[in-house]
Amino acid sequence: MRKIILLVGAMLVATSAISTEVYVCDEPRGYSLFANNDHKAEADSFRGVRPTVIKDEKNLKIVWGDSKSAGGVPRVWKPVVFFETPDVISAVAIDAYASNSASIMYTLNKKQGLLYMSTHKSVDSGAISGANIFISKCKAGQ
């Protein structure tokens, strides 16, 4: 009986030691450069979208999607972390299909409360191939 109580106690301590950080961000705003517009920089944003960054000891998840006006539905991205300090996390995700692909880089600066998102897209038709960068102000909590 004593062993069971010690085992359960150890499991509770281990579970409570896992911390989860959550950052809720404002609408991403930035610029897009697409082939169908001769790669001219144009202001762009994701209206009605609030990216959420969730970081625990093992995973990074970023929840966001297309603008609500475009019928966007939130999507959960699980990028691979390639750089991390107590104040900054950088990660990359790949979104690939038969006719197109995109690499998406995320950098969350916790100290400044900013999320940087950059996407490089390649589409077989070439019309919407291009790149964009967005910045969101974020707050820890919730």
Protein backbone atom coordinates (compact mmCIF):
# COMPACT_ATOMS: atom_id res chain seq x y z
CA MET A 1 0.00 0.00 0.00
CA ARG A 2 2.80 2.39 0.87
CA LYS A 3 4.44 1.75 -2.54
CA ILE A 4 1.20 2.55 -4.36
CA ILE A 5 0.78 5.83 -2.47
CA LEU A 6 4.39 6.80 -3.23
CA LEU A 7 3.97 5.90 -6.92
CA VAL A 8 0.74 7.92 -7.25
CA GLY A 9 2.37 10.85 -5.42
CA ALA A 10 5.37 10.75 -7.74
CA MET A 11 3.08 10.70 -10.78
CA LEU A 12 1.15 13.73 -9.51
CA VAL A 13 4.36 15.67 -8.91
CA ALA A 14 5.67 14.75 -12.38
CA THR A 15 2.37 15.78 -14.02
CA SER A 16 2.19 19.11 -12.22
CA ALA A 17 5.80 19.88 -13.24
CA ILE A 18 4.79 20.01 -16.92
CA SER A 19 4.05 23.62 -17.72
CA THR A 20 2.08 24.88 -20.67
CA GLU A 21 2.49 28.39 -22.06
CA VAL A 22 -0.34 29.93 -24.08
CA TYR A 23 -0.10 33.14 -26.12
CA VAL A 24 -3.18 34.67 -27.75
CA CYS A 25 -2.37 37.02 -30.61
CA ASP A 26 -4.09 39.85 -32.45
CA GLU A 27 -4.99 39.75 -36.15
CA PRO A 28 -1.86 39.13 -38.24
CA ARG A 29 -0.92 42.11 -40.41
CA GLY A 30 1.84 42.33 -42.97
CA TYR A 31 2.68 42.11 -46.66
CA SER A 32 2.31 39.62 -49.50
CA LEU A 33 4.28 39.33 -52.73
CA PHE A 34 2.64 37.08 -55.33
CA ALA A 35 3.51 36.17 -58.91
CA ASN A 36 0.11 37.23 -60.25
CA ASN A 37 0.99 40.80 -59.17
CA ASP A 38 4.62 40.86 -60.36
CA HIS A 39 5.73 40.28 -56.76
CA LYS A 40 4.82 43.83 -55.73
CA ALA A 41 4.48 44.16 -51.96
CA GLU A 42 0.85 44.63 -50.95
CA ALA A 43 -0.58 45.17 -47.48
CA ASP A 44 -2.31 42.02 -46.26
CA SER A 45 -3.96 40.75 -43.10
CA PHE A 46 -6.03 37.94 -41.64
CA ARG A 47 -9.17 39.73 -40.47
CA GLY A 48 -11.04 38.08 -37.64
CA VAL A 49 -8.22 35.61 -36.99
CA ARG A 50 -6.41 35.42 -33.64
CA PRO A 51 -3.50 32.96 -33.76
CA THR A 52 -2.92 31.05 -30.54
CA VAL A 53 0.49 29.61 -29.64
CA ILE A 54 0.57 26.68 -27.21
CA LYS A 55 3.94 25.48 -25.92
CA ASP A 56 4.52 22.62 -23.51
CA GLU A 57 7.69 20.69 -22.74
CA LYS A 58 7.32 18.45 -25.81
CA ASN A 59 5.28 20.28 -28.42
CA LEU A 60 4.58 23.59 -30.07
CA LYS A 61 1.12 24.12 -31.59
CA ILE A 62 -0.12 27.16 -33.45
CA VAL A 63 -3.84 27.48 -34.10
CA TRP A 64 -4.93 29.78 -36.92
CA GLY A 65 -6.43 29.74 -40.42
CA ASP A 66 -7.72 31.83 -43.30
CA SER A 67 -9.66 35.04 -42.67
CA LYS A 68 -13.22 34.53 -41.52
CA SER A 69 -14.40 36.54 -44.56
CA ALA A 70 -12.76 33.89 -46.77
CA GLY A 71 -14.60 31.13 -44.91
CA GLY A 72 -11.50 30.27 -42.91
CA VAL A 73 -11.55 27.52 -40.36
CA PRO A 74 -8.89 27.36 -37.63
CA ARG A 75 -6.21 24.79 -38.24
CA VAL A 76 -3.73 23.32 -35.77
CA TRP A 77 -0.13 23.54 -36.98
CA LYS A 78 2.57 21.48 -35.25
CA PRO A 79 5.79 23.08 -36.47
CA VAL A 80 9.22 21.66 -35.69
CA VAL A 81 11.17 23.82 -33.25
CA PHE A 82 14.70 24.53 -34.49
CA PHE A 83 15.70 27.32 -32.08
CA GLU A 84 14.63 28.03 -28.51
CA THR A 85 15.74 30.28 -25.68
CA PRO A 86 13.72 31.38 -22.65
CA ASP A 87 12.51 34.42 -24.65
CA VAL A 88 12.33 33.19 -28.27
CA ILE A 89 11.00 30.11 -30.08
CA SER A 90 11.48 29.58 -33.84
CA ALA A 91 9.85 26.72 -35.74
CA VAL A 92 8.96 25.63 -39.27
CA ALA A 93 6.00 23.74 -40.74
CA ILE A 94 5.52 22.27 -44.21
CA ASP A 95 2.14 22.30 -45.96
CA ALA A 96 2.38 20.11 -49.07
CA TYR A 97 -0.14 18.78 -51.56
CA ALA A 98 0.12 17.25 -55.05
CA SER A 99 -0.05 20.61 -56.85
CA ASN A 100 1.40 23.04 -54.31
CA SER A 101 3.55 23.40 -51.23
CA ALA A 102 4.35 25.98 -48.61
CA SER A 103 6.96 26.34 -45.92
CA ILE A 104 5.84 28.38 -42.94
CA MET A 105 8.26 29.83 -40.41
CA TYR A 106 7.15 31.06 -37.02
CA THR A 107 9.09 33.06 -34.43
CA LEU A 108 7.51 33.94 -31.10
CA ASN A 109 9.34 36.61 -29.13
CA LYS A 110 7.83 36.17 -25.67
CA LYS A 111 9.62 39.16 -24.17
CA GLN A 112 8.36 41.58 -26.85
CA GLY A 113 4.98 39.84 -27.23
CA LEU A 114 5.31 39.38 -30.99
CA LEU A 115 4.63 36.48 -33.35
CA TYR A 116 6.33 36.64 -36.76
CA MET A 117 4.94 34.37 -39.50
CA SER A 118 6.49 33.98 -42.93
CA THR A 119 5.20 31.76 -45.74
CA HIS A 120 6.84 30.75 -49.01
CA LYS A 121 4.38 29.18 -51.47
CA SER A 122 4.88 27.33 -54.72
CA VAL A 123 1.84 26.46 -56.81
CA ASP A 124 1.98 24.50 -60.08
CA SER A 125 -0.04 27.14 -61.92
CA GLY A 126 2.45 29.76 -60.71
CA ALA A 127 -0.26 32.41 -60.40
CA ILE A 128 -0.31 32.54 -56.63
CA SER A 129 3.27 31.46 -55.95
CA GLY A 130 5.00 33.93 -53.71
CA ALA A 131 5.75 34.88 -50.14
CA ASN A 132 4.33 36.84 -47.26
CA ILE A 133 5.20 37.98 -43.77
CA PHE A 134 2.84 38.80 -40.94
CA ILE A 135 3.30 40.15 -37.44
CA SER A 136 0.89 39.75 -34.51
CA LYS A 137 0.99 41.26 -31.04
CA CYS A 138 0.54 38.52 -28.43
CA LYS A 139 -0.24 38.25 -24.74
CA ALA A 140 0.51 35.35 -22.44
CA GLY A 141 -2.39 33.78 -20.64
CA GLN A 142 -5.77 32.18 -21.10
